């Protein structure tokens, strides 16, 4: 509608202004506008049809499909997600982009002021992440894949700085994120390594198969997912019989893309590095955003 278009135009103008000269005040204004615009968009839009099938470009494999960042498109993304459950994208972020994100977490504290916007990161980090997502080509592929204007789940936009002494015992068991969001919504998670992940420190373990079944869900229970009631190992062993569990090693800039039906867990490798940085964001079609949480327009 007219109001949403006006808000989007304002976002575009402020984004250009902040690209020319970074300003924490402008970044806060942008975050507030993105949240407001998303609410308007969701209220005004009709529900779009999800993408539920795609030709298999990776036939004959029971492992995770893997491509280079330059090969990412709606076709490769949908083929991998809808036939194999996930996609490894090597070099999705450039060396310069990963270096920039690494530096953001060691920047002066005033760049990450507290906020009450339900964001999983500061407005400044949000701006930098969206710039990387856009420049890498991720947003263009997601917009086509989702059949709709993409929005972020604001509380789950994170640039996580894990430290061995604090996080060495933290591990999330086998689960599907559909049981966190509350219903199937055909979203996409981008789990990107900003520093190396999965070899000398923890990463993710993924079951490399597509499933349309919602495992371990009690319809009488409500989201969010209780990790204490995760999927039992016996169930995973049965599901993994013909699809050996994968534990990808990711270099800085590599990413895993998967949806809320994908079965995965933390791969609890011993910490040989002192620190680890990952960028995590959940994207949904505006008209199919989960029934709870805070939408944020891109």
C-alpha atoms as a PDB file:
ATOM      1  CA  UNK A   1       0.000   0.000   0.000  1.00  0.00           C
ATOM      2  CA  UNK A   2       0.967   3.663  -0.202  1.00  0.00           C
ATOM      3  CA  UNK A   3       2.091   3.883   3.422  1.00  0.00           C
ATOM      4  CA  UNK A   4       4.365   0.834   3.107  1.00  0.00           C
ATOM      5  CA  UNK A   5       5.900   2.187  -0.107  1.00  0.00           C
ATOM      6  CA  UNK A   6       6.643   5.497   1.599  1.00  0.00           C
ATOM      7  CA  UNK A   7       8.348   3.703   4.502  1.00  0.00           C
ATOM      8  CA  UNK A   8      10.420   1.592   2.099  1.00  0.00           C
ATOM      9  CA  UNK A   9      11.519   4.694   0.221  1.00  0.00           C
ATOM     10  CA  UNK A  10      12.572   6.279   3.494  1.00  0.00           C
ATOM     11  CA  UNK A  11      14.577   3.154   4.365  1.00  0.00           C
ATOM     12  CA  UNK A  12      16.336   3.291   0.998  1.00  0.00           C
ATOM     13  CA  UNK A  13      17.227   6.959   1.447  1.00  0.00           C
ATOM     14  CA  UNK A  14      18.567   6.469   4.975  1.00  0.00           C
ATOM     15  CA  UNK A  15      20.533   3.388   3.858  1.00  0.00           C
ATOM     16  CA  UNK A  16      22.284   5.410   1.157  1.00  0.00           C
ATOM     17  CA  UNK A  17      23.004   8.144   3.690  1.00  0.00           C
ATOM     18  CA  UNK A  18      24.528   5.657   6.133  1.00  0.00           C
ATOM     19  CA  UNK A  19      26.610   3.988   3.425  1.00  0.00           C
ATOM     20  CA  UNK A  20      28.165   7.367   2.691  1.00  0.00           C
ATOM     21  CA  UNK A  21      28.820   8.110   6.364  1.00  0.00           C
ATOM     22  CA  UNK A  22      28.156   5.640   9.174  1.00  0.00           C
ATOM     23  CA  UNK A  23      25.987   7.086  11.962  1.00  0.00           C
ATOM     24  CA  UNK A  24      24.658   5.261  15.025  1.00  0.00           C
ATOM     25  CA  UNK A  25      21.687   7.644  15.060  1.00  0.00           C
ATOM     26  CA  UNK A  26      20.823   6.796  11.448  1.00  0.00           C
ATOM     27  CA  UNK A  27      21.265   3.073  12.108  1.00  0.00           C
ATOM     28  CA  UNK A  28      18.820   3.267  15.015  1.00  0.00           C
ATOM     29  CA  UNK A  29      16.326   5.126  12.805  1.00  0.00           C
ATOM     30  CA  UNK A  30      16.733   2.445  10.139  1.00  0.00           C
ATOM     31  CA  UNK A  31      16.136  -0.377  12.600  1.00  0.00           C
ATOM     32  CA  UNK A  32      12.977   1.319  13.873  1.00  0.00           C
ATOM     33  CA  UNK A  33      11.726   1.890  10.323  1.00  0.00           C
ATOM     34  CA  UNK A  34      12.453  -1.703   9.284  1.00  0.00           C
ATOM     35  CA  UNK A  35      10.380  -2.983  12.204  1.00  0.00           C
ATOM     36  CA  UNK A  36       7.521  -0.578  11.518  1.00  0.00           C
ATOM     37  CA  UNK A  37       7.531  -1.323   7.775  1.00  0.00           C
ATOM     38  CA  UNK A  38       7.450  -5.073   8.352  1.00  0.00           C
ATOM     39  CA  UNK A  39       4.318  -4.783  10.497  1.00  0.00           C
ATOM     40  CA  UNK A  40       2.638  -2.705   7.790  1.00  0.00           C
ATOM     41  CA  UNK A  41       3.679  -5.122   5.066  1.00  0.00           C
ATOM     42  CA  UNK A  42       2.435  -8.212   6.890  1.00  0.00           C
ATOM     43  CA  UNK A  43      -0.923  -6.613   7.693  1.00  0.00           C
ATOM     44  CA  UNK A  44      -1.488  -5.429   4.113  1.00  0.00           C
ATOM     45  CA  UNK A  45      -0.296  -8.445   2.099  1.00  0.00           C
ATOM     46  CA  UNK A  46      -2.073 -11.572   0.926  1.00  0.00           C
ATOM     47  CA  UNK A  47      -0.564 -14.947   1.750  1.00  0.00           C
ATOM     48  CA  UNK A  48       1.680 -16.148  -1.067  1.00  0.00           C
ATOM     49  CA  UNK A  49       2.070 -19.775  -2.137  1.00  0.00           C
ATOM     50  CA  UNK A  50       5.269 -21.412  -0.857  1.00  0.00           C
ATOM     51  CA  UNK A  51       7.788 -23.156  -3.079  1.00  0.00           C
ATOM     52  CA  UNK A  52       7.331 -26.870  -2.335  1.00  0.00           C
ATOM     53  CA  UNK A  53       9.258 -28.656  -5.102  1.00  0.00           C
ATOM     54  CA  UNK A  54      12.204 -28.113  -7.449  1.00  0.00           C
ATOM     55  CA  UNK A  55      14.230 -30.130  -9.994  1.00  0.00           C
ATOM     56  CA  UNK A  56      17.076 -32.008  -8.322  1.00  0.00           C
ATOM     57  CA  UNK A  57      20.368 -30.616  -9.624  1.00  0.00           C
ATOM     58  CA  UNK A  58      22.283 -32.832  -7.198  1.00  0.00           C
ATOM     59  CA  UNK A  59      20.909 -36.293  -8.021  1.00  0.00           C
ATOM     60  CA  UNK A  60      22.721 -39.440  -6.989  1.00  0.00           C
ATOM     61  CA  UNK A  61      24.051 -38.109  -3.694  1.00  0.00           C
ATOM     62  CA  UNK A  62      23.124 -38.777  -0.086  1.00  0.00           C
ATOM     63  CA  UNK A  63      25.414 -36.001   1.151  1.00  0.00           C
ATOM     64  CA  UNK A  64      24.897 -32.258   1.439  1.00  0.00           C
ATOM     65  CA  UNK A  65      25.042 -30.400  -1.888  1.00  0.00           C
ATOM     66  CA  UNK A  66      27.904 -27.940  -2.085  1.00  0.00           C
ATOM     67  CA  UNK A  67      28.386 -24.924  -4.354  1.00  0.00           C
ATOM     68  CA  UNK A  68      30.560 -21.829  -4.623  1.00  0.00           C
ATOM     69  CA  UNK A  69      29.142 -18.447  -3.655  1.00  0.00           C
ATOM     70  CA  UNK A  70      29.070 -17.374  -7.308  1.00  0.00           C
ATOM     71  CA  UNK A  71      26.750 -20.316  -8.054  1.00  0.00           C
ATOM     72  CA  UNK A  72      24.096 -19.340  -5.517  1.00  0.00           C
ATOM     73  CA  UNK A  73      20.734 -18.735  -7.170  1.00  0.00           C
ATOM     74  CA  UNK A  74      17.085 -19.501  -6.579  1.00  0.00           C
ATOM     75  CA  UNK A  75      17.559 -22.674  -8.649  1.00  0.00           C
ATOM     76  CA  UNK A  76      20.513 -24.073  -6.685  1.00  0.00           C
ATOM     77  CA  UNK A  77      19.009 -23.004  -3.357  1.00  0.00           C
ATOM     78  CA  UNK A  78      15.573 -24.538  -3.961  1.00  0.00           C
ATOM     79  CA  UNK A  79      17.051 -27.711  -5.452  1.00  0.00           C
ATOM     80  CA  UNK A  80      19.236 -28.330  -2.415  1.00  0.00           C
ATOM     81  CA  UNK A  81      16.739 -27.340   0.288  1.00  0.00           C
ATOM     82  CA  UNK A  82      13.687 -29.098  -1.156  1.00  0.00           C
ATOM     83  CA  UNK A  83      15.476 -32.294  -2.184  1.00  0.00           C
ATOM     84  CA  UNK A  84      18.371 -32.630   0.278  1.00  0.00           C
ATOM     85  CA  UNK A  85      17.486 -30.475   3.296  1.00  0.00           C
ATOM     86  CA  UNK A  86      20.428 -28.050   3.229  1.00  0.00           C
ATOM     87  CA  UNK A  87      23.107 -26.397   1.095  1.00  0.00           C
ATOM     88  CA  UNK A  88      26.765 -25.625   1.762  1.00  0.00           C
ATOM     89  CA  UNK A  89      27.863 -22.391   0.082  1.00  0.00           C
ATOM     90  CA  UNK A  90      31.620 -21.963  -0.057  1.00  0.00           C
ATOM     91  CA  UNK A  91      32.794 -18.373  -0.029  1.00  0.00           C
ATOM     92  CA  UNK A  92      29.356 -16.798   0.268  1.00  0.00           C
ATOM     93  CA  UNK A  93      31.036 -13.883   2.025  1.00  0.00           C
ATOM     94  CA  UNK A  94      34.251 -12.427   0.634  1.00  0.00           C
ATOM     95  CA  UNK A  95      37.467 -12.203   2.631  1.00  0.00           C
ATOM     96  CA  UNK A  96      36.904  -8.464   3.013  1.00  0.00           C
ATOM     97  CA  UNK A  97      33.347  -8.989   4.262  1.00  0.00           C
ATOM     98  CA  UNK A  98      34.371 -11.559   6.884  1.00  0.00           C
ATOM     99  CA  UNK A  99      37.225  -9.314   7.998  1.00  0.00           C
ATOM    100  CA  UNK A 100      34.754  -6.435   8.375  1.00  0.00           C
ATOM    101  CA  UNK A 101      32.360  -8.540  10.478  1.00  0.00           C
ATOM    102  CA  UNK A 102      35.213  -9.797  12.656  1.00  0.00           C
ATOM    103  CA  UNK A 103      36.252  -6.210  13.320  1.00  0.00           C
ATOM    104  CA  UNK A 104      32.715  -5.171  14.265  1.00  0.00           C
ATOM    105  CA  UNK A 105      32.818  -7.387  17.346  1.00  0.00           C
ATOM    106  CA  UNK A 106      36.038  -5.887  18.643  1.00  0.00           C
ATOM    107  CA  UNK A 107      34.948  -2.321  17.877  1.00  0.00           C
ATOM    108  CA  UNK A 108      34.440   0.219  20.621  1.00  0.00           C
ATOM    109  CA  UNK A 109      31.391  -0.479  22.856  1.00  0.00           C
ATOM    110  CA  UNK A 110      29.552   2.677  21.737  1.00  0.00           C
ATOM    111  CA  UNK A 111      28.973   1.006  18.354  1.00  0.00           C
ATOM    112  CA  UNK A 112      26.758  -1.541  20.060  1.00  0.00           C
ATOM    113  CA  UNK A 113      24.531   0.516  22.390  1.00  0.00           C
ATOM    114  CA  UNK A 114      21.668  -1.214  24.203  1.00  0.00           C
ATOM    115  CA  UNK A 115      18.261  -1.042  22.527  1.00  0.00           C
ATOM    116  CA  UNK A 116      14.707  -2.132  23.264  1.00  0.00           C
ATOM    117  CA  UNK A 117      13.755  -3.107  19.718  1.00  0.00           C
ATOM    118  CA  UNK A 118      13.575  -6.905  20.147  1.00  0.00           C
ATOM    119  CA  UNK A 119      16.691  -7.213  17.975  1.00  0.00           C
ATOM    120  CA  UNK A 120      19.137 -10.065  18.450  1.00  0.00           C
ATOM    121  CA  UNK A 121      21.970  -7.598  17.756  1.00  0.00           C
ATOM    122  CA  UNK A 122      22.630  -3.859  17.835  1.00  0.00           C
ATOM    123  CA  UNK A 123      21.241  -1.576  15.073  1.00  0.00           C
ATOM    124  CA  UNK A 124      24.827  -1.068  13.912  1.00  0.00           C
ATOM    125  CA  UNK A 125      25.503  -4.807  13.565  1.00  0.00           C
ATOM    126  CA  UNK A 126      22.134  -5.197  11.824  1.00  0.00           C
ATOM    127  CA  UNK A 127      23.128  -2.617   9.216  1.00  0.00           C
ATOM    128  CA  UNK A 128      26.487  -4.288   8.577  1.00  0.00           C
ATOM    129  CA  UNK A 129      24.931  -7.769   8.299  1.00  0.00           C
ATOM    130  CA  UNK A 130      22.297  -6.587   5.829  1.00  0.00           C
ATOM    131  CA  UNK A 131      24.986  -4.958   3.696  1.00  0.00           C
ATOM    132  CA  UNK A 132      26.891  -8.265   3.556  1.00  0.00           C
ATOM    133  CA  UNK A 133      23.743 -10.277   2.825  1.00  0.00           C
ATOM    134  CA  UNK A 134      22.867  -7.910  -0.002  1.00  0.00           C
ATOM    135  CA  UNK A 135      26.343  -7.626  -1.539  1.00  0.00           C
ATOM    136  CA  UNK A 136      26.886 -11.399  -1.427  1.00  0.00           C
ATOM    137  CA  UNK A 137      23.793 -12.019  -3.567  1.00  0.00           C
ATOM    138  CA  UNK A 138      22.012 -13.884  -0.768  1.00  0.00           C
ATOM    139  CA  UNK A 139      19.049 -11.510  -0.584  1.00  0.00           C
ATOM    140  CA  UNK A 140      18.365 -11.653  -4.320  1.00  0.00           C
ATOM    141  CA  UNK A 141      18.255 -15.468  -4.249  1.00  0.00           C
ATOM    142  CA  UNK A 142      16.059 -15.500  -1.143  1.00  0.00           C
ATOM    143  CA  UNK A 143      13.594 -12.976  -2.560  1.00  0.00           C
ATOM    144  CA  UNK A 144      13.016 -15.207  -5.588  1.00  0.00           C
ATOM    145  CA  UNK A 145      12.949 -18.430  -3.547  1.00  0.00           C
ATOM    146  CA  UNK A 146      10.403 -17.129  -1.028  1.00  0.00           C
ATOM    147  CA  UNK A 147       7.948 -15.887  -3.697  1.00  0.00           C
ATOM    148  CA  UNK A 148       7.471 -12.795  -1.554  1.00  0.00           C
ATOM    149  CA  UNK A 149       9.186  -9.855   0.114  1.00  0.00           C
ATOM    150  CA  UNK A 150      11.618 -11.393   2.644  1.00  0.00           C
ATOM    151  CA  UNK A 151      11.582 -10.379   6.291  1.00  0.00           C
ATOM    152  CA  UNK A 152      13.878 -11.317   9.155  1.00  0.00           C
ATOM    153  CA  UNK A 153      12.911 -12.828  12.510  1.00  0.00           C
ATOM    154  CA  UNK A 154      14.334  -9.897  14.487  1.00  0.00           C
ATOM    155  CA  UNK A 155      15.124 -11.783  17.679  1.00  0.00           C
ATOM    156  CA  UNK A 156      17.182 -14.333  15.704  1.00  0.00           C
ATOM    157  CA  UNK A 157      19.465 -11.929  13.815  1.00  0.00           C
ATOM    158  CA  UNK A 158      22.812 -12.463  15.488  1.00  0.00           C
ATOM    159  CA  UNK A 159      26.530 -12.018  15.073  1.00  0.00           C
ATOM    160  CA  UNK A 160      27.585 -14.437  17.785  1.00  0.00           C
ATOM    161  CA  UNK A 161      30.955 -14.201  19.455  1.00  0.00           C
ATOM    162  CA  UNK A 162      31.555 -17.520  21.219  1.00  0.00           C
ATOM    163  CA  UNK A 163      34.438 -17.865  23.665  1.00  0.00           C
ATOM    164  CA  UNK A 164      35.883 -21.186  24.729  1.00  0.00           C
ATOM    165  CA  UNK A 165      35.965 -20.409  28.433  1.00  0.00           C
ATOM    166  CA  UNK A 166      32.254 -19.464  28.432  1.00  0.00           C
ATOM    167  CA  UNK A 167      30.726 -21.680  25.732  1.00  0.00           C
ATOM    168  CA  UNK A 168      32.783 -24.874  25.848  1.00  0.00           C
ATOM    169  CA  UNK A 169      29.948 -26.819  27.475  1.00  0.00           C
ATOM    170  CA  UNK A 170      27.123 -25.249  25.445  1.00  0.00           C
ATOM    171  CA  UNK A 171      25.559 -27.675  22.991  1.00  0.00           C
ATOM    172  CA  UNK A 172      22.099 -27.834  21.391  1.00  0.00           C
ATOM    173  CA  UNK A 173      20.779 -31.384  20.778  1.00  0.00           C
ATOM    174  CA  UNK A 174      19.018 -32.785  17.696  1.00  0.00           C
ATOM    175  CA  UNK A 175      15.988 -30.697  16.718  1.00  0.00           C
ATOM    176  CA  UNK A 176      13.916 -29.089  13.984  1.00  0.00           C
ATOM    177  CA  UNK A 177      13.377 -25.341  14.198  1.00  0.00           C
ATOM    178  CA  UNK A 178       9.760 -25.725  13.085  1.00  0.00           C
ATOM    179  CA  UNK A 179       9.109 -26.660  16.702  1.00  0.00           C
ATOM    180  CA  UNK A 180      10.590 -23.334  17.765  1.00  0.00           C
ATOM    181  CA  UNK A 181       8.647 -21.147  15.324  1.00  0.00           C
ATOM    182  CA  UNK A 182       5.397 -22.978  15.997  1.00  0.00           C
ATOM    183  CA  UNK A 183       4.391 -23.978  12.473  1.00  0.00           C
ATOM    184  CA  UNK A 184       5.817 -24.767   9.056  1.00  0.00           C
ATOM    185  CA  UNK A 185       6.587 -21.496   7.290  1.00  0.00           C
ATOM    186  CA  UNK A 186       9.123 -22.364   4.534  1.00  0.00           C
ATOM    187  CA  UNK A 187      11.794 -20.025   5.891  1.00  0.00           C
ATOM    188  CA  UNK A 188      15.560 -20.119   5.343  1.00  0.00           C
ATOM    189  CA  UNK A 189      18.313 -19.969   7.942  1.00  0.00           C
ATOM    190  CA  UNK A 190      21.710 -18.610   6.938  1.00  0.00           C
ATOM    191  CA  UNK A 191      24.333 -19.959   9.369  1.00  0.00           C
ATOM    192  CA  UNK A 192      27.606 -18.400   8.223  1.00  0.00           C
ATOM    193  CA  UNK A 193      31.136 -18.863   9.536  1.00  0.00           C
ATOM    194  CA  UNK A 194      32.880 -15.551  10.156  1.00  0.00           C
ATOM    195  CA  UNK A 195      35.801 -17.471  11.655  1.00  0.00           C
ATOM    196  CA  UNK A 196      36.566 -21.160  11.020  1.00  0.00           C
ATOM    197  CA  UNK A 197      33.928 -23.546  12.383  1.00  0.00           C
ATOM    198  CA  UNK A 198      33.587 -27.305  12.731  1.00  0.00           C
ATOM    199  CA  UNK A 199      37.162 -28.569  12.862  1.00  0.00           C
ATOM    200  CA  UNK A 200      39.120 -27.037  15.735  1.00  0.00           C
ATOM    201  CA  UNK A 201      35.949 -25.855  17.485  1.00  0.00           C
ATOM    202  CA  UNK A 202      32.194 -26.608  17.390  1.00  0.00           C
ATOM    203  CA  UNK A 203      30.061 -26.361  14.271  1.00  0.00           C
ATOM    204  CA  UNK A 204      26.818 -27.960  13.136  1.00  0.00           C
ATOM    205  CA  UNK A 205      25.880 -31.577  12.479  1.00  0.00           C
ATOM    206  CA  UNK A 206      23.132 -32.057   9.876  1.00  0.00           C
ATOM    207  CA  UNK A 207      21.061 -34.958   8.624  1.00  0.00           C
ATOM    208  CA  UNK A 208      21.485 -34.597   4.821  1.00  0.00           C
ATOM    209  CA  UNK A 209      17.959 -35.482   3.766  1.00  0.00           C
ATOM    210  CA  UNK A 210      14.703 -33.701   3.143  1.00  0.00           C
ATOM    211  CA  UNK A 211      11.886 -34.399   5.547  1.00  0.00           C
ATOM    212  CA  UNK A 212       8.341 -33.065   5.483  1.00  0.00           C
ATOM    213  CA  UNK A 213       7.559 -34.770   8.798  1.00  0.00           C
ATOM    214  CA  UNK A 214       7.512 -32.815  12.017  1.00  0.00           C
ATOM    215  CA  UNK A 215       9.355 -35.046  14.473  1.00  0.00           C
ATOM    216  CA  UNK A 216       9.056 -34.930  18.246  1.00  0.00           C
ATOM    217  CA  UNK A 217       6.129 -32.507  18.230  1.00  0.00           C
ATOM    218  CA  UNK A 218       3.244 -32.654  20.666  1.00  0.00           C
ATOM    219  CA  UNK A 219       0.356 -30.655  19.233  1.00  0.00           C
ATOM    220  CA  UNK A 220      -0.789 -29.806  22.764  1.00  0.00           C
ATOM    221  CA  UNK A 221       2.476 -28.004  23.437  1.00  0.00           C
ATOM    222  CA  UNK A 222       3.277 -24.501  22.261  1.00  0.00           C
ATOM    223  CA  UNK A 223       6.433 -22.903  20.851  1.00  0.00           C
ATOM    224  CA  UNK A 224       9.179 -22.159  21.677  1.00  0.00           C
ATOM    225  CA  UNK A 225      10.981 -25.440  21.321  1.00  0.00           C
ATOM    226  CA  UNK A 226      12.142 -27.011  24.563  1.00  0.00           C
ATOM    227  CA  UNK A 227      15.608 -28.387  23.834  1.00  0.00           C
ATOM    228  CA  UNK A 228      15.221 -30.660  26.831  1.00  0.00           C
ATOM    229  CA  UNK A 229      12.638 -32.565  24.778  1.00  0.00           C
ATOM    230  CA  UNK A 230      14.836 -32.929  21.715  1.00  0.00           C
ATOM    231  CA  UNK A 231      14.808 -35.770  19.204  1.00  0.00           C
ATOM    232  CA  UNK A 232      16.055 -39.063  20.692  1.00  0.00           C
ATOM    233  CA  UNK A 233      19.272 -40.614  19.410  1.00  0.00           C
ATOM    234  CA  UNK A 234      17.414 -43.785  18.407  1.00  0.00           C
ATOM    235  CA  UNK A 235      15.189 -41.833  16.060  1.00  0.00           C
ATOM    236  CA  UNK A 236      18.194 -40.072  14.528  1.00  0.00           C
ATOM    237  CA  UNK A 237      19.981 -43.394  13.955  1.00  0.00           C
ATOM    238  CA  UNK A 238      16.964 -44.677  12.021  1.00  0.00           C
ATOM    239  CA  UNK A 239      16.644 -41.528   9.919  1.00  0.00           C
ATOM    240  CA  UNK A 240      20.389 -41.503   9.203  1.00  0.00           C
ATOM    241  CA  UNK A 241      20.528 -45.140   8.025  1.00  0.00           C
ATOM    242  CA  UNK A 242      20.952 -44.210   4.341  1.00  0.00           C
ATOM    243  CA  UNK A 243      22.002 -40.604   4.928  1.00  0.00           C
ATOM    244  CA  UNK A 244      25.176 -40.456   7.033  1.00  0.00           C
ATOM    245  CA  UNK A 245      25.223 -37.468   9.372  1.00  0.00           C
ATOM    246  CA  UNK A 246      27.447 -34.672   8.086  1.00  0.00           C
ATOM    247  CA  UNK A 247      29.611 -32.358  10.162  1.00  0.00           C
ATOM    248  CA  UNK A 248      30.760 -29.694   7.693  1.00  0.00           C
ATOM    249  CA  UNK A 249      34.014 -27.857   8.224  1.00  0.00           C
ATOM    250  CA  UNK A 250      33.471 -24.215   7.298  1.00  0.00           C
ATOM    251  CA  UNK A 251      36.151 -21.678   6.494  1.00  0.00           C
ATOM    252  CA  UNK A 252      35.551 -17.953   7.075  1.00  0.00           C
ATOM    253  CA  UNK A 253      32.876 -16.852   4.615  1.00  0.00           C
ATOM    254  CA  UNK A 254      31.330 -20.313   4.111  1.00  0.00           C
ATOM    255  CA  UNK A 255      27.650 -20.746   4.978  1.00  0.00           C
ATOM    256  CA  UNK A 256      25.029 -23.409   5.608  1.00  0.00           C
ATOM    257  CA  UNK A 257      21.534 -22.701   4.317  1.00  0.00           C
ATOM    258  CA  UNK A 258      18.610 -24.802   5.536  1.00  0.00           C
ATOM    259  CA  UNK A 259      14.954 -24.473   6.501  1.00  0.00           C
ATOM    260  CA  UNK A 260      12.951 -25.125   9.650  1.00  0.00           C
ATOM    261  CA  UNK A 261      12.311 -28.788   8.742  1.00  0.00           C
ATOM    262  CA  UNK A 262      16.027 -29.680   8.591  1.00  0.00           C
ATOM    263  CA  UNK A 263      17.187 -31.942  11.428  1.00  0.00           C
ATOM    264  CA  UNK A 264      20.418 -30.651  12.973  1.00  0.00           C
ATOM    265  CA  UNK A 265      22.346 -30.134  16.191  1.00  0.00           C
ATOM    266  CA  UNK A 266      25.531 -28.569  17.516  1.00  0.00           C
ATOM    267  CA  UNK A 267      28.600 -30.634  16.629  1.00  0.00           C
ATOM    268  CA  UNK A 268      30.393 -30.567  19.996  1.00  0.00           C
ATOM    269  CA  UNK A 269      34.037 -30.682  18.925  1.00  0.00           C
ATOM    270  CA  UNK A 270      36.722 -29.817  21.496  1.00  0.00           C
ATOM    271  CA  UNK A 271      37.689 -26.153  21.590  1.00  0.00           C
ATOM    272  CA  UNK A 272      41.174 -25.720  20.140  1.00  0.00           C
ATOM    273  CA  UNK A 273      40.521 -22.088  19.238  1.00  0.00           C
ATOM    274  CA  UNK A 274      39.788 -19.517  21.909  1.00  0.00           C
ATOM    275  CA  UNK A 275      37.055 -17.749  19.952  1.00  0.00           C
ATOM    276  CA  UNK A 276      34.488 -18.322  17.229  1.00  0.00           C
ATOM    277  CA  UNK A 277      32.219 -15.915  15.334  1.00  0.00           C
ATOM    278  CA  UNK A 278      29.111 -16.928  13.370  1.00  0.00           C
ATOM    279  CA  UNK A 279      26.402 -14.860  11.674  1.00  0.00           C
ATOM    280  CA  UNK A 280      22.923 -16.346  12.018  1.00  0.00           C
ATOM    281  CA  UNK A 281      19.692 -15.031  10.478  1.00  0.00           C
ATOM    282  CA  UNK A 282      16.263 -16.508   9.774  1.00  0.00           C
ATOM    283  CA  UNK A 283      14.442 -15.224   6.663  1.00  0.00           C
ATOM    284  CA  UNK A 284      10.726 -15.676   5.931  1.00  0.00           C
ATOM    285  CA  UNK A 285       8.256 -14.565   3.295  1.00  0.00           C
ATOM    286  CA  UNK A 286       6.380 -11.594   4.744  1.00  0.00           C
ATOM    287  CA  UNK A 287       3.009 -13.279   4.255  1.00  0.00           C
ATOM    288  CA  UNK A 288       4.150 -16.498   5.958  1.00  0.00           C
ATOM    289  CA  UNK A 289       5.941 -15.045   8.975  1.00  0.00           C
ATOM    290  CA  UNK A 290       5.498 -17.211  12.123  1.00  0.00           C
ATOM    291  CA  UNK A 291       2.624 -16.448  14.451  1.00  0.00           C
ATOM    292  CA  UNK A 292       4.921 -15.003  17.085  1.00  0.00           C
ATOM    293  CA  UNK A 293       8.150 -13.024  17.142  1.00  0.00           C
ATOM    294  CA  UNK A 294       9.066  -9.670  15.574  1.00  0.00           C
ATOM    295  CA  UNK A 295       9.309  -9.233  11.775  1.00  0.00           C
ATOM    296  CA  UNK A 296      11.923  -6.911  10.301  1.00  0.00           C
ATOM    297  CA  UNK A 297      11.954  -5.841   6.666  1.00  0.00           C
ATOM    298  CA  UNK A 298      15.163  -5.881   4.658  1.00  0.00           C
END
